N, C-alpha and C. Protein backbone atom coordinates (compact mmCIF):
# COMPACT_ATOMS: atom_id res chain seq x y z
N MET A 1 120.41 58.61 -33.87
CA MET A 1 120.88 58.51 -35.23
C MET A 1 122.30 57.97 -35.20
N ALA A 2 122.65 57.13 -36.17
CA ALA A 2 123.97 56.52 -36.22
C ALA A 2 125.02 57.58 -36.54
N HIS A 3 126.22 57.36 -36.04
CA HIS A 3 127.32 58.27 -36.29
C HIS A 3 128.03 57.88 -37.57
N ASP A 4 128.69 58.87 -38.16
CA ASP A 4 129.45 58.58 -39.36
C ASP A 4 130.63 57.70 -39.01
N GLY A 5 130.94 56.81 -39.92
CA GLY A 5 132.08 55.91 -39.75
C GLY A 5 133.37 56.63 -40.08
N PRO A 6 134.45 55.86 -40.36
CA PRO A 6 135.74 56.46 -40.68
C PRO A 6 135.63 57.41 -41.86
N GLY A 7 136.31 58.55 -41.77
CA GLY A 7 136.29 59.51 -42.86
C GLY A 7 134.95 60.17 -43.08
N GLY A 8 134.04 60.12 -42.09
CA GLY A 8 132.74 60.75 -42.22
C GLY A 8 131.75 59.91 -43.00
N ARG A 9 132.11 58.70 -43.36
CA ARG A 9 131.22 57.83 -44.11
C ARG A 9 130.49 56.88 -43.19
N ARG A 10 129.26 56.59 -43.56
CA ARG A 10 128.48 55.62 -42.79
C ARG A 10 128.70 54.24 -43.37
N THR A 11 128.73 53.26 -42.50
CA THR A 11 128.83 51.87 -42.94
C THR A 11 127.48 51.42 -43.48
N LEU A 12 127.48 50.31 -44.19
CA LEU A 12 126.23 49.75 -44.67
C LEU A 12 125.30 49.46 -43.48
N ALA A 13 125.86 48.90 -42.42
CA ALA A 13 125.05 48.60 -41.23
C ALA A 13 124.40 49.87 -40.68
N GLU A 14 125.15 50.95 -40.61
CA GLU A 14 124.60 52.21 -40.10
C GLU A 14 123.50 52.73 -41.02
N LYS A 15 123.72 52.62 -42.34
CA LYS A 15 122.71 53.09 -43.28
C LYS A 15 121.41 52.29 -43.14
N ILE A 16 121.53 50.99 -42.99
CA ILE A 16 120.34 50.15 -42.83
C ILE A 16 119.64 50.48 -41.51
N ASP A 17 120.42 50.64 -40.46
CA ASP A 17 119.83 50.94 -39.15
C ASP A 17 119.13 52.29 -39.16
N ILE A 18 119.69 53.27 -39.87
CA ILE A 18 119.04 54.57 -39.98
C ILE A 18 117.65 54.42 -40.60
N LEU A 19 117.56 53.56 -41.63
CA LEU A 19 116.26 53.32 -42.25
C LEU A 19 115.27 52.75 -41.23
N PHE A 20 115.72 51.79 -40.44
CA PHE A 20 114.84 51.19 -39.43
C PHE A 20 114.42 52.22 -38.39
N GLN A 21 115.34 53.08 -37.96
CA GLN A 21 115.04 54.05 -36.92
C GLN A 21 114.15 55.18 -37.43
N THR A 22 114.23 55.49 -38.71
CA THR A 22 113.56 56.66 -39.25
C THR A 22 112.25 56.34 -39.97
N VAL A 23 112.26 55.30 -40.77
CA VAL A 23 111.05 54.93 -41.52
C VAL A 23 110.26 53.97 -40.65
N ARG A 24 109.14 54.42 -40.17
CA ARG A 24 108.36 53.63 -39.22
C ARG A 24 106.94 53.42 -39.69
N ARG A 25 106.24 52.60 -38.94
CA ARG A 25 104.82 52.39 -39.21
C ARG A 25 104.06 53.69 -38.92
N PRO A 26 102.84 53.81 -39.44
CA PRO A 26 102.05 55.03 -39.16
C PRO A 26 101.89 55.31 -37.66
N ASN A 27 101.90 54.27 -36.82
CA ASN A 27 101.77 54.49 -35.37
C ASN A 27 103.11 54.78 -34.70
N ARG A 28 104.16 54.98 -35.52
CA ARG A 28 105.53 55.33 -35.09
C ARG A 28 106.30 54.16 -34.52
N GLU A 29 105.75 52.94 -34.53
CA GLU A 29 106.50 51.77 -34.06
C GLU A 29 107.50 51.35 -35.12
N LEU A 30 108.59 50.76 -34.66
CA LEU A 30 109.63 50.28 -35.57
C LEU A 30 109.16 49.02 -36.29
N PHE A 31 109.63 48.85 -37.51
CA PHE A 31 109.43 47.59 -38.21
C PHE A 31 110.38 46.57 -37.61
N SER A 32 109.97 45.31 -37.57
CA SER A 32 110.85 44.26 -37.06
C SER A 32 111.72 43.72 -38.19
N ASN A 33 112.85 43.12 -37.82
CA ASN A 33 113.70 42.47 -38.82
C ASN A 33 112.90 41.43 -39.58
N ASP A 34 112.04 40.70 -38.87
CA ASP A 34 111.28 39.62 -39.48
C ASP A 34 110.33 40.14 -40.56
N GLU A 35 109.59 41.20 -40.28
CA GLU A 35 108.64 41.68 -41.29
C GLU A 35 109.35 42.32 -42.48
N VAL A 36 110.48 42.99 -42.25
CA VAL A 36 111.22 43.56 -43.37
C VAL A 36 111.83 42.43 -44.21
N ALA A 37 112.41 41.43 -43.55
CA ALA A 37 113.00 40.30 -44.28
C ALA A 37 111.93 39.57 -45.09
N THR A 38 110.76 39.38 -44.52
CA THR A 38 109.67 38.71 -45.23
C THR A 38 109.27 39.50 -46.47
N ALA A 39 109.14 40.81 -46.35
CA ALA A 39 108.78 41.65 -47.49
C ALA A 39 109.88 41.60 -48.56
N CYS A 40 111.13 41.60 -48.13
CA CYS A 40 112.24 41.54 -49.08
C CYS A 40 112.29 40.18 -49.77
N ARG A 41 112.04 39.14 -49.02
CA ARG A 41 112.01 37.78 -49.59
C ARG A 41 110.91 37.69 -50.64
N GLU A 42 109.75 38.24 -50.32
CA GLU A 42 108.63 38.21 -51.26
C GLU A 42 108.93 39.06 -52.50
N ALA A 43 109.66 40.16 -52.33
CA ALA A 43 109.98 41.03 -53.46
C ALA A 43 111.01 40.42 -54.39
N THR A 44 111.96 39.67 -53.82
CA THR A 44 113.06 39.14 -54.64
C THR A 44 112.87 37.69 -55.02
N GLY A 45 112.12 36.93 -54.21
CA GLY A 45 112.02 35.50 -54.43
C GLY A 45 113.27 34.77 -53.98
N GLU A 46 114.20 35.50 -53.37
CA GLU A 46 115.46 34.92 -52.92
C GLU A 46 115.43 34.75 -51.41
N SER A 47 116.37 33.97 -50.93
CA SER A 47 116.51 33.77 -49.49
C SER A 47 116.84 35.10 -48.82
N PHE A 48 116.09 35.44 -47.79
CA PHE A 48 116.32 36.70 -47.05
C PHE A 48 115.69 36.50 -45.68
N SER A 49 116.49 36.08 -44.72
CA SER A 49 115.96 35.78 -43.39
C SER A 49 116.11 36.98 -42.45
N ALA A 50 115.37 36.93 -41.36
CA ALA A 50 115.50 37.97 -40.34
C ALA A 50 116.90 37.94 -39.74
N THR A 51 117.50 36.76 -39.62
CA THR A 51 118.86 36.64 -39.09
C THR A 51 119.85 37.31 -40.03
N TYR A 52 119.69 37.07 -41.33
CA TYR A 52 120.56 37.70 -42.32
C TYR A 52 120.43 39.22 -42.25
N LEU A 53 119.21 39.71 -42.14
CA LEU A 53 118.99 41.15 -42.04
C LEU A 53 119.62 41.70 -40.77
N TRP A 54 119.49 40.98 -39.68
CA TRP A 54 120.12 41.39 -38.41
C TRP A 54 121.64 41.45 -38.59
N GLN A 55 122.20 40.48 -39.30
CA GLN A 55 123.65 40.47 -39.55
C GLN A 55 124.07 41.68 -40.38
N LEU A 56 123.28 42.03 -41.39
CA LEU A 56 123.58 43.23 -42.18
C LEU A 56 123.46 44.48 -41.32
N ARG A 57 122.44 44.51 -40.51
CA ARG A 57 122.14 45.68 -39.69
C ARG A 57 123.18 45.91 -38.60
N THR A 58 123.82 44.85 -38.16
CA THR A 58 124.82 44.96 -37.09
C THR A 58 126.26 44.91 -37.60
N GLY A 59 126.42 44.77 -38.92
CA GLY A 59 127.76 44.76 -39.49
C GLY A 59 128.45 43.41 -39.49
N ARG A 60 127.78 42.37 -39.05
CA ARG A 60 128.38 41.04 -39.06
C ARG A 60 128.50 40.49 -40.48
N ARG A 61 127.62 40.97 -41.36
CA ARG A 61 127.72 40.68 -42.79
C ARG A 61 127.66 42.03 -43.49
N ASP A 62 128.43 42.17 -44.56
CA ASP A 62 128.44 43.47 -45.22
C ASP A 62 128.57 43.38 -46.74
N ASN A 63 128.16 42.25 -47.30
CA ASN A 63 128.26 42.10 -48.74
C ASN A 63 126.97 41.50 -49.32
N PRO A 64 125.85 42.23 -49.19
CA PRO A 64 124.59 41.70 -49.71
C PRO A 64 124.58 41.76 -51.24
N THR A 65 123.68 41.00 -51.83
CA THR A 65 123.52 41.07 -53.27
C THR A 65 122.81 42.36 -53.64
N MET A 66 122.93 42.72 -54.90
CA MET A 66 122.24 43.91 -55.39
C MET A 66 120.72 43.75 -55.24
N ARG A 67 120.21 42.55 -55.45
CA ARG A 67 118.76 42.31 -55.31
C ARG A 67 118.32 42.52 -53.87
N HIS A 68 119.16 42.15 -52.89
CA HIS A 68 118.80 42.38 -51.49
C HIS A 68 118.74 43.88 -51.20
N LEU A 69 119.73 44.63 -51.70
CA LEU A 69 119.72 46.07 -51.48
C LEU A 69 118.55 46.73 -52.19
N GLU A 70 118.23 46.26 -53.39
CA GLU A 70 117.07 46.80 -54.10
C GLU A 70 115.79 46.53 -53.33
N ALA A 71 115.68 45.34 -52.74
CA ALA A 71 114.48 45.01 -51.96
C ALA A 71 114.39 45.89 -50.72
N LEU A 72 115.52 46.11 -50.04
CA LEU A 72 115.51 47.00 -48.87
C LEU A 72 115.13 48.42 -49.29
N ALA A 73 115.70 48.89 -50.38
CA ALA A 73 115.38 50.24 -50.87
C ALA A 73 113.90 50.35 -51.20
N GLN A 74 113.36 49.31 -51.83
CA GLN A 74 111.94 49.32 -52.17
C GLN A 74 111.08 49.34 -50.91
N PHE A 75 111.42 48.52 -49.92
CA PHE A 75 110.63 48.46 -48.69
C PHE A 75 110.62 49.82 -48.00
N PHE A 76 111.81 50.45 -47.87
CA PHE A 76 111.92 51.70 -47.14
C PHE A 76 111.67 52.94 -48.02
N GLU A 77 111.34 52.68 -49.31
CA GLU A 77 111.01 53.75 -50.25
C GLU A 77 112.12 54.79 -50.38
N VAL A 78 113.34 54.29 -50.61
CA VAL A 78 114.49 55.15 -50.90
C VAL A 78 115.13 54.64 -52.19
N PRO A 79 115.86 55.52 -52.89
CA PRO A 79 116.58 55.03 -54.07
C PRO A 79 117.71 54.09 -53.65
N VAL A 80 118.00 53.11 -54.47
CA VAL A 80 119.04 52.14 -54.13
C VAL A 80 120.40 52.84 -53.99
N ALA A 81 120.56 53.99 -54.63
CA ALA A 81 121.81 54.76 -54.51
C ALA A 81 122.09 55.16 -53.06
N TYR A 82 121.06 55.15 -52.22
CA TYR A 82 121.23 55.44 -50.79
C TYR A 82 122.34 54.59 -50.19
N PHE A 83 122.48 53.36 -50.65
CA PHE A 83 123.47 52.45 -50.09
C PHE A 83 124.87 52.65 -50.65
N PHE A 84 125.00 53.37 -51.77
CA PHE A 84 126.29 53.48 -52.45
C PHE A 84 126.89 54.87 -52.47
N ASP A 85 126.07 55.88 -52.57
CA ASP A 85 126.52 57.26 -52.72
C ASP A 85 126.42 57.96 -51.37
N ASP A 86 127.59 58.25 -50.76
CA ASP A 86 127.59 58.82 -49.41
C ASP A 86 126.91 60.19 -49.34
N ASP A 87 127.10 61.01 -50.37
CA ASP A 87 126.44 62.32 -50.35
C ASP A 87 124.92 62.16 -50.44
N GLN A 88 124.49 61.31 -51.36
CA GLN A 88 123.04 61.08 -51.50
C GLN A 88 122.49 60.41 -50.25
N SER A 89 123.26 59.50 -49.68
CA SER A 89 122.83 58.81 -48.46
C SER A 89 122.59 59.81 -47.33
N SER A 90 123.51 60.74 -47.15
CA SER A 90 123.36 61.75 -46.09
C SER A 90 122.14 62.64 -46.34
N ALA A 91 121.97 63.05 -47.59
CA ALA A 91 120.83 63.91 -47.93
C ALA A 91 119.51 63.16 -47.69
N ILE A 92 119.46 61.91 -48.11
CA ILE A 92 118.24 61.11 -47.92
C ILE A 92 117.97 60.89 -46.44
N ALA A 93 119.03 60.61 -45.66
CA ALA A 93 118.85 60.40 -44.22
C ALA A 93 118.27 61.65 -43.56
N ARG A 94 118.74 62.84 -43.97
CA ARG A 94 118.20 64.09 -43.41
C ARG A 94 116.73 64.26 -43.79
N GLU A 95 116.40 63.96 -45.05
CA GLU A 95 115.01 64.07 -45.48
C GLU A 95 114.11 63.08 -44.74
N LEU A 96 114.61 61.86 -44.54
CA LEU A 96 113.83 60.86 -43.81
C LEU A 96 113.59 61.30 -42.37
N GLU A 97 114.61 61.88 -41.76
CA GLU A 97 114.47 62.36 -40.39
C GLU A 97 113.40 63.44 -40.31
N LEU A 98 113.43 64.36 -41.26
CA LEU A 98 112.43 65.42 -41.29
C LEU A 98 111.03 64.84 -41.51
N LEU A 99 110.91 63.91 -42.45
CA LEU A 99 109.61 63.29 -42.70
C LEU A 99 109.12 62.53 -41.47
N GLY A 100 110.04 61.88 -40.76
CA GLY A 100 109.66 61.16 -39.55
C GLY A 100 109.10 62.11 -38.50
N VAL A 101 109.73 63.26 -38.35
CA VAL A 101 109.26 64.25 -37.39
C VAL A 101 107.90 64.79 -37.81
N LEU A 102 107.72 65.02 -39.11
CA LEU A 102 106.47 65.59 -39.59
C LEU A 102 105.30 64.62 -39.50
N ARG A 103 105.58 63.33 -39.29
CA ARG A 103 104.49 62.37 -39.12
C ARG A 103 103.78 62.58 -37.79
N ASP A 104 104.46 63.22 -36.85
CA ASP A 104 103.84 63.52 -35.56
C ASP A 104 102.80 64.61 -35.81
N ALA A 105 101.55 64.32 -35.47
CA ALA A 105 100.45 65.23 -35.77
C ALA A 105 100.65 66.62 -35.16
N GLY A 106 101.17 66.68 -33.94
CA GLY A 106 101.37 67.98 -33.29
C GLY A 106 102.44 68.80 -34.01
N VAL A 107 103.52 68.16 -34.38
CA VAL A 107 104.60 68.85 -35.09
C VAL A 107 104.09 69.31 -36.46
N ARG A 108 103.38 68.44 -37.14
CA ARG A 108 102.85 68.77 -38.46
C ARG A 108 101.91 69.97 -38.36
N ASN A 109 101.07 70.02 -37.32
CA ASN A 109 100.14 71.12 -37.14
C ASN A 109 100.89 72.44 -36.95
N VAL A 110 101.95 72.41 -36.14
CA VAL A 110 102.75 73.62 -35.92
C VAL A 110 103.40 74.05 -37.24
N ALA A 111 103.97 73.08 -37.97
CA ALA A 111 104.64 73.41 -39.22
C ALA A 111 103.67 73.99 -40.24
N LEU A 112 102.49 73.40 -40.35
CA LEU A 112 101.51 73.91 -41.30
C LEU A 112 101.04 75.31 -40.93
N ARG A 113 100.86 75.54 -39.65
CA ARG A 113 100.43 76.87 -39.22
C ARG A 113 101.53 77.90 -39.43
N ALA A 114 102.79 77.46 -39.32
CA ALA A 114 103.92 78.38 -39.50
C ALA A 114 104.06 78.83 -40.95
N LEU A 115 103.48 78.09 -41.88
CA LEU A 115 103.56 78.45 -43.30
C LEU A 115 102.97 79.84 -43.57
N THR A 116 102.03 80.26 -42.75
CA THR A 116 101.37 81.55 -42.99
C THR A 116 102.10 82.72 -42.32
N LEU A 117 103.16 82.42 -41.58
CA LEU A 117 103.87 83.48 -40.86
C LEU A 117 104.86 84.21 -41.76
N SER A 118 105.10 85.47 -41.41
CA SER A 118 106.13 86.26 -42.09
C SER A 118 107.50 85.75 -41.64
N PRO A 119 108.57 86.15 -42.34
CA PRO A 119 109.92 85.76 -41.88
C PRO A 119 110.18 86.20 -40.43
N GLU A 120 109.67 87.36 -40.06
CA GLU A 120 109.84 87.83 -38.68
C GLU A 120 109.07 86.94 -37.71
N GLY A 121 107.87 86.53 -38.12
CA GLY A 121 107.08 85.63 -37.29
C GLY A 121 107.78 84.28 -37.11
N ILE A 122 108.40 83.77 -38.17
CA ILE A 122 109.16 82.51 -38.08
C ILE A 122 110.32 82.68 -37.10
N ASP A 123 111.02 83.83 -37.17
CA ASP A 123 112.13 84.08 -36.23
C ASP A 123 111.62 84.09 -34.79
N THR A 124 110.47 84.73 -34.57
CA THR A 124 109.89 84.78 -33.22
C THR A 124 109.51 83.38 -32.76
N LEU A 125 108.91 82.60 -33.64
CA LEU A 125 108.55 81.22 -33.31
C LEU A 125 109.79 80.40 -32.95
N ASN A 126 110.87 80.55 -33.72
CA ASN A 126 112.12 79.85 -33.41
C ASN A 126 112.65 80.27 -32.04
N ASP A 127 112.59 81.56 -31.74
CA ASP A 127 113.03 82.03 -30.42
C ASP A 127 112.19 81.41 -29.31
N MET A 128 110.88 81.34 -29.52
CA MET A 128 110.00 80.75 -28.51
C MET A 128 110.30 79.26 -28.32
N ILE A 129 110.56 78.57 -29.41
CA ILE A 129 110.90 77.15 -29.32
C ILE A 129 112.21 76.97 -28.55
N ASP A 130 113.20 77.84 -28.83
CA ASP A 130 114.47 77.77 -28.09
C ASP A 130 114.25 77.93 -26.59
N VAL A 131 113.39 78.87 -26.21
CA VAL A 131 113.08 79.09 -24.79
C VAL A 131 112.43 77.84 -24.19
N LEU A 132 111.47 77.26 -24.91
CA LEU A 132 110.80 76.04 -24.42
C LEU A 132 111.76 74.87 -24.29
N VAL A 133 112.65 74.71 -25.25
CA VAL A 133 113.63 73.62 -25.20
C VAL A 133 114.52 73.79 -23.97
N ARG A 134 115.04 75.00 -23.76
CA ARG A 134 115.89 75.25 -22.58
C ARG A 134 115.12 74.99 -21.28
N HIS A 135 113.87 75.44 -21.24
CA HIS A 135 113.03 75.25 -20.05
C HIS A 135 112.84 73.75 -19.77
N GLU A 136 112.52 72.98 -20.82
CA GLU A 136 112.30 71.54 -20.62
C GLU A 136 113.59 70.81 -20.25
N GLU A 137 114.73 71.22 -20.84
CA GLU A 137 116.01 70.62 -20.46
C GLU A 137 116.33 70.89 -18.99
N LYS A 138 116.05 72.12 -18.56
CA LYS A 138 116.29 72.50 -17.16
C LYS A 138 115.40 71.67 -16.23
N ALA A 139 114.13 71.49 -16.63
CA ALA A 139 113.20 70.71 -15.82
C ALA A 139 113.64 69.24 -15.75
N ARG A 140 114.11 68.69 -16.87
CA ARG A 140 114.59 67.30 -16.87
C ARG A 140 115.81 67.14 -15.97
N THR A 141 116.72 68.09 -16.07
CA THR A 141 117.93 68.04 -15.24
C THR A 141 117.57 68.11 -13.77
N ALA A 142 116.63 68.99 -13.41
CA ALA A 142 116.20 69.12 -12.02
C ALA A 142 115.54 67.83 -11.55
N GLN A 143 114.74 67.23 -12.40
CA GLN A 143 114.05 65.97 -12.05
C GLN A 143 115.07 64.86 -11.82
N GLN A 144 116.09 64.81 -12.67
CA GLN A 144 117.13 63.77 -12.51
C GLN A 144 117.92 64.00 -11.24
N GLY A 145 118.12 65.26 -10.89
CA GLY A 145 118.85 65.59 -9.66
C GLY A 145 118.09 65.17 -8.40
N LYS A 146 116.76 65.00 -8.51
CA LYS A 146 115.94 64.60 -7.39
C LYS A 146 115.76 63.10 -7.32
N GLY A 147 116.56 62.37 -8.12
CA GLY A 147 116.42 60.91 -8.10
C GLY A 147 115.36 60.39 -9.04
N GLY A 148 114.87 61.23 -9.93
CA GLY A 148 113.83 60.81 -10.87
C GLY A 148 114.39 60.32 -12.18
N SER A 149 115.56 59.70 -12.15
CA SER A 149 116.20 59.27 -13.40
C SER A 149 115.99 57.80 -13.67
N GLU A 150 114.83 57.29 -13.31
CA GLU A 150 114.54 55.88 -13.57
C GLU A 150 114.53 55.62 -15.05
N GLU A 151 115.09 54.50 -15.46
CA GLU A 151 115.13 54.12 -16.85
C GLU A 151 113.79 53.54 -17.27
N ASP A 152 113.40 53.80 -18.55
CA ASP A 152 112.17 53.22 -19.07
C ASP A 152 112.37 51.77 -19.40
């Protein structure tokens, strides 16, 4: 996830990149600049190239038209205020992250099953997850210590 810019605010480039990283295809693959630009071009009827989108996404350009931002908002299914209101942008980014996680069938199954638990049961489940996370982190660290840190 992108870090907040100066003063805790995200840049336009960071906001756009968050959308790309979080809003994905049903198979969890990222959308390409080309397919998003094509959809935006079709939505606006205006010039919108993959290069231009890449420039916005990397901060090389930072002054898109309102129609371009509206097209991006429409494609990623967020309100256009996401690009202007820092508080709303942060809240939307958190919601998108949660929705992205819930698209994973295994996570969704656990979450749905947890709905029937008592508050004490939820606390126990959280404790168990904490133990599993620590165990897996320890296993990863041990694997890396054995020279198993090959990059993907």
